[in-house]
């Protein structure tokens, strides 16, 4: 594990999606504590304002972007606004995602299928499409996307979520290959079971006190976002602290 200084991200600019709660909020706060200016993206204005207060309390700053990630034109406008203000981007954390529905594939409605793909896959592609030129202008562009063990376990009834995360994995690994000769490093972060609203929805009978929290995970984002990080196109598996070139073993 790479050791980090007190503010390893001082002066750097980071986009974090799904920043209003759970993993995204914890990641945004950790990156802010490490010195980054946070461009916080989420649908809920009130929760973003609460995050802004927390970021200011740790001595950093944020730009709040209330945005539904399925508004793809708005993602393009976000890239243009970052270009106008900073002319570059150092870090993007693609965290926002939805569970979809847990049921047999044959019972999934087209609407649920499309919503899951739109948020978990297409929105992240649109982020890459919009922000790649800005990341290339950074001396150490870092793209971090939150994946899941569901991408390779392919358990019954988890179809839309598993399939969307598998597609995300392939997309980020492709992006890593395409940026191999640039200063960009693209990584997948697999959190494992955490105490989040999505986990509670998927596993309602589980005791949340047995799980680690998003705050426990947060320092991993700082490590992967650091200019000192050199790996690309791999999965960082938080529960084991290991890197995998393709997928972790069962």
Protein backbone atom coordinates (compact mmCIF):
# COMPACT_ATOMS: atom_id res chain seq x y z
CA UNK A 1 0.00 0.00 0.00
CA UNK A 2 1.28 3.45 -0.92
CA UNK A 3 1.85 5.82 1.98
CA UNK A 4 0.22 9.22 1.58
CA UNK A 5 1.22 12.59 3.00
CA UNK A 6 -1.20 14.75 4.96
CA UNK A 7 -2.49 16.49 1.82
CA UNK A 8 -1.41 14.33 -1.13
CA UNK A 9 -4.10 15.91 -3.34
CA UNK A 10 -3.45 19.57 -2.56
CA UNK A 11 -4.44 21.79 -5.47
CA UNK A 12 -6.12 18.98 -7.39
CA UNK A 13 -9.69 19.03 -8.74
CA UNK A 14 -11.96 16.00 -8.35
CA UNK A 15 -15.41 15.11 -9.69
CA UNK A 16 -17.37 12.72 -7.45
CA UNK A 17 -20.73 11.33 -8.58
CA UNK A 18 -23.36 10.12 -6.14
CA UNK A 19 -21.69 12.45 -3.66
CA UNK A 20 -24.66 13.19 -1.42
CA UNK A 21 -24.65 9.98 0.64
CA UNK A 22 -22.97 6.65 1.33
CA UNK A 23 -19.78 5.79 -0.50
CA UNK A 24 -19.82 8.95 -2.63
CA UNK A 25 -20.14 11.25 0.37
CA UNK A 26 -17.37 9.46 2.25
CA UNK A 27 -15.13 9.56 -0.84
CA UNK A 28 -15.77 13.27 -1.38
CA UNK A 29 -14.91 14.08 2.23
CA UNK A 30 -11.76 11.96 2.18
CA UNK A 31 -10.54 13.59 -1.05
CA UNK A 32 -11.34 17.02 0.42
CA UNK A 33 -9.38 16.24 3.59
CA UNK A 34 -6.48 15.24 1.31
CA UNK A 35 -6.56 18.73 -0.21
CA UNK A 36 -8.69 18.35 -3.36
CA UNK A 37 -11.38 20.75 -4.50
CA UNK A 38 -14.53 18.64 -4.89
CA UNK A 39 -17.00 18.96 -7.75
CA UNK A 40 -19.85 17.13 -6.02
CA UNK A 41 -22.49 15.64 -8.31
CA UNK A 42 -25.81 14.28 -7.03
CA UNK A 43 -29.53 14.71 -7.58
CA UNK A 44 -30.40 16.17 -4.15
CA UNK A 45 -29.57 19.84 -3.56
CA UNK A 46 -30.15 19.70 0.21
CA UNK A 47 -27.82 16.75 0.73
CA UNK A 48 -25.17 18.44 -1.42
CA UNK A 49 -25.39 21.54 0.76
CA UNK A 50 -24.86 19.39 3.86
CA UNK A 51 -21.81 17.87 2.19
CA UNK A 52 -20.54 21.36 1.37
CA UNK A 53 -20.76 22.28 5.07
CA UNK A 54 -18.79 19.15 5.99
CA UNK A 55 -16.14 19.86 3.34
CA UNK A 56 -15.72 23.43 4.56
CA UNK A 57 -15.40 22.11 8.11
CA UNK A 58 -12.32 20.10 7.09
CA UNK A 59 -10.75 23.16 5.46
CA UNK A 60 -11.46 22.43 1.81
CA UNK A 61 -13.93 23.66 -0.81
CA UNK A 62 -16.56 22.29 -3.16
CA UNK A 63 -18.57 23.13 -6.24
CA UNK A 64 -22.08 21.68 -6.04
CA UNK A 65 -23.66 20.24 -9.18
CA UNK A 66 -27.27 19.04 -8.76
CA UNK A 67 -27.53 16.71 -11.72
CA UNK A 68 -29.34 13.55 -12.76
CA UNK A 69 -26.70 11.43 -14.47
CA UNK A 70 -29.21 10.23 -17.04
CA UNK A 71 -29.32 13.81 -18.31
CA UNK A 72 -26.44 13.15 -20.65
CA UNK A 73 -26.43 16.64 -22.15
CA UNK A 74 -25.90 17.95 -18.63
CA UNK A 75 -22.80 15.75 -18.31
CA UNK A 76 -21.45 17.40 -21.46
CA UNK A 77 -22.20 20.82 -19.96
CA UNK A 78 -20.36 19.79 -16.81
CA UNK A 79 -17.24 19.03 -18.85
CA UNK A 80 -17.51 22.38 -20.62
CA UNK A 81 -17.90 24.21 -17.29
CA UNK A 82 -14.83 22.49 -15.82
CA UNK A 83 -12.87 23.38 -18.94
CA UNK A 84 -13.90 27.03 -18.66
CA UNK A 85 -12.97 27.30 -14.97
CA UNK A 86 -9.97 24.99 -14.49
CA UNK A 87 -8.92 23.93 -18.03
CA UNK A 88 -8.22 20.43 -16.69
CA UNK A 89 -9.41 17.74 -14.30
CA UNK A 90 -7.24 15.60 -12.04
CA UNK A 91 -9.66 13.03 -10.62
CA UNK A 92 -13.04 11.52 -11.46
CA UNK A 93 -14.81 9.13 -9.11
CA UNK A 94 -17.69 7.35 -10.86
CA UNK A 95 -19.59 6.12 -7.84
CA UNK A 96 -23.30 6.68 -8.56
CA UNK A 97 -25.20 3.48 -9.24
CA UNK A 98 -28.52 1.73 -8.71
CA UNK A 99 -29.41 -1.82 -7.73
CA UNK A 100 -32.25 -2.29 -10.18
CA UNK A 101 -34.61 -5.15 -9.38
CA UNK A 102 -33.76 -8.53 -7.83
CA UNK A 103 -35.83 -11.01 -9.84
CA UNK A 104 -35.49 -13.53 -12.67
CA UNK A 105 -34.27 -12.09 -15.97
CA UNK A 106 -37.49 -13.09 -17.65
CA UNK A 107 -39.48 -10.97 -15.19
CA UNK A 108 -37.43 -7.78 -15.52
CA UNK A 109 -39.37 -5.02 -17.22
CA UNK A 110 -37.74 -3.09 -20.07
CA UNK A 111 -38.00 0.07 -17.95
CA UNK A 112 -36.03 -1.40 -15.02
CA UNK A 113 -33.46 -2.90 -17.39
CA UNK A 114 -32.93 0.40 -19.18
CA UNK A 115 -32.72 2.43 -15.96
CA UNK A 116 -30.02 0.14 -14.57
CA UNK A 117 -27.95 0.25 -17.75
CA UNK A 118 -28.48 4.01 -18.11
CA UNK A 119 -27.12 4.80 -14.64
CA UNK A 120 -24.52 2.08 -14.12
CA UNK A 121 -23.04 1.95 -17.62
CA UNK A 122 -24.08 4.69 -20.01
CA UNK A 123 -23.73 7.54 -17.53
CA UNK A 124 -20.16 6.45 -16.76
CA UNK A 125 -19.38 6.24 -20.48
CA UNK A 126 -20.73 9.75 -20.88
CA UNK A 127 -18.52 10.89 -18.00
CA UNK A 128 -15.47 9.41 -19.71
CA UNK A 129 -16.51 10.94 -23.03
CA UNK A 130 -16.96 14.39 -21.48
CA UNK A 131 -14.06 14.41 -19.04
CA UNK A 132 -11.32 12.47 -20.88
CA UNK A 133 -9.91 15.58 -22.63
CA UNK A 134 -9.66 17.31 -19.24
CA UNK A 135 -8.01 14.32 -17.54
CA UNK A 136 -5.43 14.23 -20.33
CA UNK A 137 -4.39 17.78 -19.40
CA UNK A 138 -3.60 16.74 -15.84
CA UNK A 139 -0.09 15.68 -14.94
CA UNK A 140 -1.65 12.63 -13.24
CA UNK A 141 -5.26 12.08 -14.27
CA UNK A 142 -7.00 9.47 -12.15
CA UNK A 143 -10.31 7.76 -13.06
CA UNK A 144 -11.82 5.55 -10.35
CA UNK A 145 -15.07 3.66 -10.86
CA UNK A 146 -16.94 1.69 -8.21
CA UNK A 147 -17.60 -1.90 -9.24
CA UNK A 148 -18.92 -4.95 -7.39
CA UNK A 149 -18.20 -8.63 -6.91
CA UNK A 150 -21.61 -9.13 -8.52
CA UNK A 151 -19.92 -8.45 -11.87
CA UNK A 152 -18.35 -11.91 -11.88
CA UNK A 153 -20.42 -13.90 -9.34
CA UNK A 154 -23.54 -13.71 -11.54
CA UNK A 155 -25.91 -14.91 -8.80
CA UNK A 156 -29.51 -15.75 -9.58
CA UNK A 157 -31.89 -12.77 -9.64
CA UNK A 158 -29.13 -10.15 -9.68
CA UNK A 159 -29.13 -9.93 -13.49
CA UNK A 160 -29.39 -6.21 -14.32
CA UNK A 161 -26.97 -5.18 -11.57
CA UNK A 162 -24.43 -7.95 -12.30
CA UNK A 163 -24.58 -7.38 -16.04
CA UNK A 164 -24.23 -3.61 -15.72
CA UNK A 165 -21.22 -3.92 -13.41
CA UNK A 166 -19.58 -6.44 -15.76
CA UNK A 167 -20.05 -3.95 -18.58
CA UNK A 168 -18.58 -1.20 -16.41
CA UNK A 169 -15.53 -3.37 -15.70
CA UNK A 170 -14.97 -3.97 -19.42
CA UNK A 171 -15.38 -0.27 -20.18
CA UNK A 172 -12.90 0.91 -17.57
CA UNK A 173 -10.35 -1.73 -18.57
CA UNK A 174 -10.76 -0.61 -22.19
CA UNK A 175 -10.26 3.02 -21.14
CA UNK A 176 -7.13 2.00 -19.23
CA UNK A 177 -5.75 0.33 -22.38
CA UNK A 178 -6.52 3.40 -24.45
CA UNK A 179 -4.72 5.71 -22.00
CA UNK A 180 -1.76 3.43 -21.30
CA UNK A 181 0.76 5.89 -22.78
CA UNK A 182 -0.74 8.94 -21.04
CA UNK A 183 -0.52 10.14 -17.42
CA UNK A 184 -4.06 8.78 -16.82
CA UNK A 185 -4.59 5.76 -14.60
CA UNK A 186 -8.04 4.13 -14.65
CA UNK A 187 -9.03 1.80 -11.82
CA UNK A 188 -11.98 -0.19 -10.54
CA UNK A 189 -12.65 -0.22 -6.79
CA UNK A 190 -14.66 -3.11 -5.36
CA UNK A 191 -15.93 -2.13 -1.89
CA UNK A 192 -17.35 -5.48 -0.81
CA UNK A 193 -20.23 -5.53 1.69
CA UNK A 194 -20.64 -2.09 3.28
CA UNK A 195 -23.24 -0.43 5.48
CA UNK A 196 -25.09 1.44 2.71
CA UNK A 197 -28.71 2.02 1.69
CA UNK A 198 -28.20 -0.15 -1.39
CA UNK A 199 -26.87 -3.03 0.69
CA UNK A 200 -29.80 -2.67 3.11
CA UNK A 201 -32.24 -2.85 0.20
CA UNK A 202 -30.56 -5.94 -1.24
CA UNK A 203 -30.04 -7.73 2.10
CA UNK A 204 -32.84 -6.56 4.44
CA UNK A 205 -32.26 -9.33 6.97
CA UNK A 206 -28.55 -8.60 7.42
CA UNK A 207 -27.24 -7.03 10.62
CA UNK A 208 -25.62 -3.75 9.47
CA UNK A 209 -23.41 -3.68 12.55
CA UNK A 210 -21.46 -6.62 11.09
CA UNK A 211 -20.42 -4.54 8.07
CA UNK A 212 -17.70 -2.00 7.49
CA UNK A 213 -18.79 1.54 6.65
CA UNK A 214 -18.22 3.83 3.66
CA UNK A 215 -15.89 5.81 5.91
CA UNK A 216 -13.71 2.71 6.32
CA UNK A 217 -13.42 2.52 2.52
CA UNK A 218 -12.80 6.23 1.93
CA UNK A 219 -9.02 6.27 2.29
CA UNK A 220 -8.79 3.84 -0.66
CA UNK A 221 -10.08 6.59 -2.95
CA UNK A 222 -7.29 8.90 -1.77
CA UNK A 223 -4.69 6.25 -2.49
CA UNK A 224 -6.01 5.50 -5.99
CA UNK A 225 -6.39 9.23 -6.76
CA UNK A 226 -2.84 10.09 -5.75
CA UNK A 227 -0.25 11.03 -8.39
CA UNK A 228 1.91 8.37 -6.73
CA UNK A 229 -0.48 5.60 -7.85
CA UNK A 230 0.89 3.79 -10.91
CA UNK A 231 -1.40 0.81 -11.62
CA UNK A 232 -4.13 0.97 -14.27
CA UNK A 233 -6.84 -1.29 -15.65
CA UNK A 234 -7.10 -3.36 -12.47
CA UNK A 235 -9.57 -4.02 -9.66
CA UNK A 236 -8.64 -2.92 -6.15
CA UNK A 237 -10.52 -5.29 -3.85
CA UNK A 238 -11.11 -3.44 -0.59
CA UNK A 239 -12.03 -6.44 1.61
CA UNK A 240 -8.69 -8.14 0.87
CA UNK A 241 -6.57 -5.08 0.04
CA UNK A 242 -5.40 -6.88 -3.12
CA UNK A 243 -5.11 -5.91 -6.78
CA UNK A 244 -6.48 -8.14 -9.52
CA UNK A 245 -5.66 -7.86 -13.19
CA UNK A 246 -9.01 -9.24 -14.32
CA UNK A 247 -11.22 -10.53 -11.57
CA UNK A 248 -10.76 -11.81 -8.02
CA UNK A 249 -11.05 -15.55 -7.41
CA UNK A 250 -14.22 -16.93 -5.88
